[in-house]
Amino acid sequence: MALRFIGIDPNTGGGNCPAVWVDEERGEIVLQGWKADEATTARTRQDSPLPDTEAVIRLPVRMAEIVRKALDDAEGSSS
C-alpha cells in the first residue's frame, strides 16, 4: 500500500487525528477523523445507507486546504 501522508489538523493536540493521506496506487483519499455521534450518524442514514464496512467521520473546516491538496494530489496520481 502506497499511502502518502498529506497533513494533520494544525490544531490537534498531541499529534492525533484528524489526518489525511492519499493512496497513490488506488487513487483514493484516506481520512482519519472523529467518529460521528449517534445523532449525526442517524441523520446521514436518511440520505445514504451505512453498511457495516463504512463509518461517518467528522473533519474540522480548518482542514479544507489539506483535503483540497489530497484531492489534487490523488487526481494527479490516478491519471
N, C-alpha and C. Protein backbone atom coordinates (compact mmCIF):
# COMPACT_ATOMS: atom_id res chain seq x y z
N MET A 1 0.85 -1.17 0.00
CA MET A 1 0.00 0.00 0.00
C MET A 1 0.90 1.24 0.00
N ALA A 2 0.61 2.17 -0.88
CA ALA A 2 1.42 3.38 -1.02
C ALA A 2 0.69 4.58 -0.46
N LEU A 3 0.56 4.64 0.87
CA LEU A 3 -0.08 5.80 1.48
C LEU A 3 0.93 6.92 1.63
N ARG A 4 0.54 8.09 1.14
CA ARG A 4 1.38 9.27 1.31
C ARG A 4 0.66 10.24 2.22
N PHE A 5 1.31 10.58 3.33
CA PHE A 5 0.74 11.50 4.31
C PHE A 5 0.65 12.89 3.70
N ILE A 6 -0.54 13.51 3.83
CA ILE A 6 -0.75 14.86 3.32
C ILE A 6 -0.71 15.88 4.44
N GLY A 7 -1.43 15.61 5.52
CA GLY A 7 -1.44 16.58 6.61
C GLY A 7 -2.32 16.15 7.76
N ILE A 8 -2.15 16.86 8.86
CA ILE A 8 -2.91 16.62 10.08
C ILE A 8 -3.52 17.94 10.53
N ASP A 9 -4.61 17.87 11.26
CA ASP A 9 -5.26 19.06 11.78
C ASP A 9 -4.22 19.92 12.50
N PRO A 10 -4.02 21.16 12.05
CA PRO A 10 -2.99 22.01 12.67
C PRO A 10 -3.29 22.34 14.12
N ASN A 11 -4.52 22.17 14.55
CA ASN A 11 -4.89 22.48 15.94
C ASN A 11 -4.96 21.24 16.82
N THR A 12 -4.56 20.10 16.30
CA THR A 12 -4.65 18.87 17.09
C THR A 12 -3.65 18.91 18.25
N GLY A 13 -4.06 18.36 19.35
CA GLY A 13 -3.16 18.28 20.50
C GLY A 13 -2.49 16.92 20.54
N GLY A 14 -1.21 16.88 20.68
CA GLY A 14 -0.50 15.62 20.80
C GLY A 14 -0.31 14.85 19.50
N GLY A 15 -0.53 15.49 18.36
CA GLY A 15 -0.29 14.84 17.08
C GLY A 15 -1.29 13.77 16.71
N ASN A 16 -2.48 13.82 17.25
CA ASN A 16 -3.52 12.84 16.91
C ASN A 16 -4.32 13.30 15.72
N CYS A 17 -5.42 12.59 15.46
CA CYS A 17 -6.26 12.89 14.31
C CYS A 17 -6.95 14.24 14.47
N PRO A 18 -7.61 14.72 13.45
CA PRO A 18 -7.82 14.16 12.13
C PRO A 18 -6.59 14.29 11.24
N ALA A 19 -6.52 13.41 10.26
CA ALA A 19 -5.39 13.40 9.34
C ALA A 19 -5.87 12.92 7.96
N VAL A 20 -5.05 13.21 6.94
CA VAL A 20 -5.40 12.90 5.55
C VAL A 20 -4.19 12.28 4.85
N TRP A 21 -4.46 11.24 4.07
CA TRP A 21 -3.45 10.58 3.24
C TRP A 21 -4.01 10.42 1.82
N VAL A 22 -3.12 10.13 0.87
CA VAL A 22 -3.51 9.72 -0.48
C VAL A 22 -2.95 8.32 -0.70
N ASP A 23 -3.82 7.41 -1.15
CA ASP A 23 -3.38 6.08 -1.57
C ASP A 23 -3.07 6.20 -3.05
N GLU A 24 -1.79 6.28 -3.37
CA GLU A 24 -1.38 6.55 -4.75
C GLU A 24 -1.64 5.38 -5.68
N GLU A 25 -1.67 4.16 -5.17
CA GLU A 25 -1.95 3.00 -6.02
C GLU A 25 -3.41 2.95 -6.42
N ARG A 26 -4.29 3.28 -5.49
CA ARG A 26 -5.73 3.19 -5.75
C ARG A 26 -6.33 4.51 -6.21
N GLY A 27 -5.60 5.60 -6.06
CA GLY A 27 -6.16 6.91 -6.39
C GLY A 27 -7.29 7.29 -5.46
N GLU A 28 -7.10 7.02 -4.15
CA GLU A 28 -8.14 7.28 -3.15
C GLU A 28 -7.62 8.19 -2.05
N ILE A 29 -8.55 8.86 -1.39
CA ILE A 29 -8.25 9.69 -0.23
C ILE A 29 -8.54 8.85 1.01
N VAL A 30 -7.64 8.87 1.97
CA VAL A 30 -7.83 8.16 3.24
C VAL A 30 -7.94 9.21 4.33
N LEU A 31 -9.04 9.15 5.08
CA LEU A 31 -9.31 10.14 6.12
C LEU A 31 -9.37 9.48 7.49
N GLN A 32 -8.78 10.13 8.46
CA GLN A 32 -8.93 9.75 9.86
C GLN A 32 -9.57 10.95 10.54
N GLY A 33 -10.69 10.71 11.19
CA GLY A 33 -11.38 11.82 11.84
C GLY A 33 -12.07 11.36 13.10
N TRP A 34 -12.81 12.27 13.68
CA TRP A 34 -13.56 11.95 14.89
C TRP A 34 -14.79 11.15 14.51
N LYS A 35 -15.02 10.07 15.20
CA LYS A 35 -16.20 9.26 14.94
C LYS A 35 -17.45 10.09 15.24
N ALA A 36 -18.38 10.09 14.29
CA ALA A 36 -19.60 10.88 14.45
C ALA A 36 -20.47 10.29 15.56
N ASP A 37 -21.20 11.15 16.24
CA ASP A 37 -22.10 10.68 17.29
C ASP A 37 -23.32 10.00 16.67
N GLU A 38 -24.10 9.35 17.50
CA GLU A 38 -25.27 8.58 17.01
C GLU A 38 -26.28 9.47 16.29
N ALA A 39 -26.50 10.68 16.78
CA ALA A 39 -27.47 11.58 16.13
C ALA A 39 -27.01 11.95 14.72
N THR A 40 -25.73 12.25 14.56
CA THR A 40 -25.20 12.58 13.24
C THR A 40 -25.28 11.38 12.31
N THR A 41 -24.88 10.21 12.82
CA THR A 41 -24.93 9.00 12.01
C THR A 41 -26.36 8.68 11.59
N ALA A 42 -27.30 8.80 12.51
CA ALA A 42 -28.70 8.54 12.18
C ALA A 42 -29.19 9.50 11.10
N ARG A 43 -28.79 10.76 11.20
CA ARG A 43 -29.23 11.75 10.20
C ARG A 43 -28.64 11.44 8.83
N THR A 44 -27.37 11.02 8.77
CA THR A 44 -26.77 10.72 7.47
C THR A 44 -27.42 9.50 6.82
N ARG A 45 -27.91 8.59 7.63
CA ARG A 45 -28.57 7.40 7.10
C ARG A 45 -29.88 7.75 6.38
N GLN A 46 -30.44 8.91 6.67
CA GLN A 46 -31.65 9.34 5.97
C GLN A 46 -31.36 9.60 4.49
N ASP A 47 -30.13 9.95 4.18
CA ASP A 47 -29.74 10.27 2.80
C ASP A 47 -28.98 9.14 2.13
N SER A 48 -28.28 8.33 2.93
CA SER A 48 -27.41 7.30 2.36
C SER A 48 -27.28 6.14 3.35
N PRO A 49 -27.57 4.91 2.92
CA PRO A 49 -27.41 3.77 3.83
C PRO A 49 -25.96 3.67 4.31
N LEU A 50 -25.77 3.12 5.50
CA LEU A 50 -24.43 2.99 6.07
C LEU A 50 -24.14 1.52 6.36
N PRO A 51 -23.44 0.84 5.44
CA PRO A 51 -23.12 -0.56 5.68
C PRO A 51 -22.09 -0.71 6.80
N ASP A 52 -21.96 -1.91 7.31
CA ASP A 52 -21.03 -2.18 8.41
C ASP A 52 -19.58 -1.89 8.04
N THR A 53 -19.28 -1.87 6.77
CA THR A 53 -17.90 -1.64 6.32
C THR A 53 -17.55 -0.15 6.21
N GLU A 54 -18.49 0.74 6.55
CA GLU A 54 -18.26 2.17 6.43
C GLU A 54 -18.52 2.86 7.76
N ALA A 55 -18.05 4.11 7.87
CA ALA A 55 -18.26 4.91 9.07
C ALA A 55 -18.45 6.36 8.67
N VAL A 56 -19.14 7.10 9.51
CA VAL A 56 -19.29 8.54 9.33
C VAL A 56 -18.27 9.19 10.26
N ILE A 57 -17.45 10.08 9.69
CA ILE A 57 -16.45 10.79 10.49
C ILE A 57 -16.64 12.29 10.33
N ARG A 58 -16.03 13.03 11.20
CA ARG A 58 -16.06 14.49 11.14
C ARG A 58 -14.65 15.03 10.99
N LEU A 59 -14.52 16.06 10.15
CA LEU A 59 -13.27 16.79 10.00
C LEU A 59 -13.58 18.27 10.21
N PRO A 60 -12.70 19.01 10.85
CA PRO A 60 -12.95 20.45 11.01
C PRO A 60 -12.75 21.18 9.69
N VAL A 61 -13.52 22.22 9.49
CA VAL A 61 -13.43 23.02 8.27
C VAL A 61 -12.02 23.59 8.09
N ARG A 62 -11.32 23.81 9.19
CA ARG A 62 -9.96 24.37 9.06
C ARG A 62 -9.03 23.44 8.29
N MET A 63 -9.45 22.18 8.05
CA MET A 63 -8.64 21.24 7.28
C MET A 63 -8.96 21.27 5.79
N ALA A 64 -9.79 22.20 5.35
CA ALA A 64 -10.21 22.26 3.95
C ALA A 64 -9.01 22.32 3.00
N GLU A 65 -8.01 23.11 3.32
CA GLU A 65 -6.84 23.23 2.44
C GLU A 65 -6.10 21.89 2.35
N ILE A 66 -6.00 21.16 3.45
CA ILE A 66 -5.33 19.85 3.45
C ILE A 66 -6.12 18.86 2.61
N VAL A 67 -7.45 18.86 2.74
CA VAL A 67 -8.29 17.95 1.95
C VAL A 67 -8.20 18.31 0.47
N ARG A 68 -8.20 19.60 0.15
CA ARG A 68 -8.06 20.01 -1.26
C ARG A 68 -6.73 19.53 -1.85
N LYS A 69 -5.66 19.66 -1.06
CA LYS A 69 -4.35 19.19 -1.54
C LYS A 69 -4.39 17.69 -1.79
N ALA A 70 -5.02 16.94 -0.90
CA ALA A 70 -5.13 15.49 -1.08
C ALA A 70 -5.91 15.16 -2.35
N LEU A 71 -7.00 15.87 -2.58
CA LEU A 71 -7.80 15.64 -3.79
C LEU A 71 -7.00 15.97 -5.04
N ASP A 72 -6.32 17.08 -5.05
CA ASP A 72 -5.49 17.46 -6.19
C ASP A 72 -4.39 16.43 -6.44
N ASP A 73 -3.72 16.01 -5.36
CA ASP A 73 -2.64 15.02 -5.49
C ASP A 73 -3.19 13.69 -5.99
N ALA A 74 -4.34 13.27 -5.48
CA ALA A 74 -4.93 11.99 -5.90
C ALA A 74 -5.31 12.05 -7.37
N GLU A 75 -5.87 13.16 -7.82
CA GLU A 75 -6.20 13.29 -9.24
C GLU A 75 -4.95 13.20 -10.10
N GLY A 76 -3.87 13.79 -9.64
CA GLY A 76 -2.63 13.74 -10.39
C GLY A 76 -2.01 12.36 -10.43
N SER A 77 -2.18 11.58 -9.36
CA SER A 77 -1.56 10.25 -9.32
C SER A 77 -2.41 9.20 -10.02
N SER A 78 -3.68 9.50 -10.27
CA SER A 78 -4.55 8.50 -10.91
C SER A 78 -4.61 8.66 -12.42
N SER A 79 -3.94 9.67 -12.95
CA SER A 79 -4.01 9.85 -14.40
C SER A 79 -2.89 9.15 -15.12
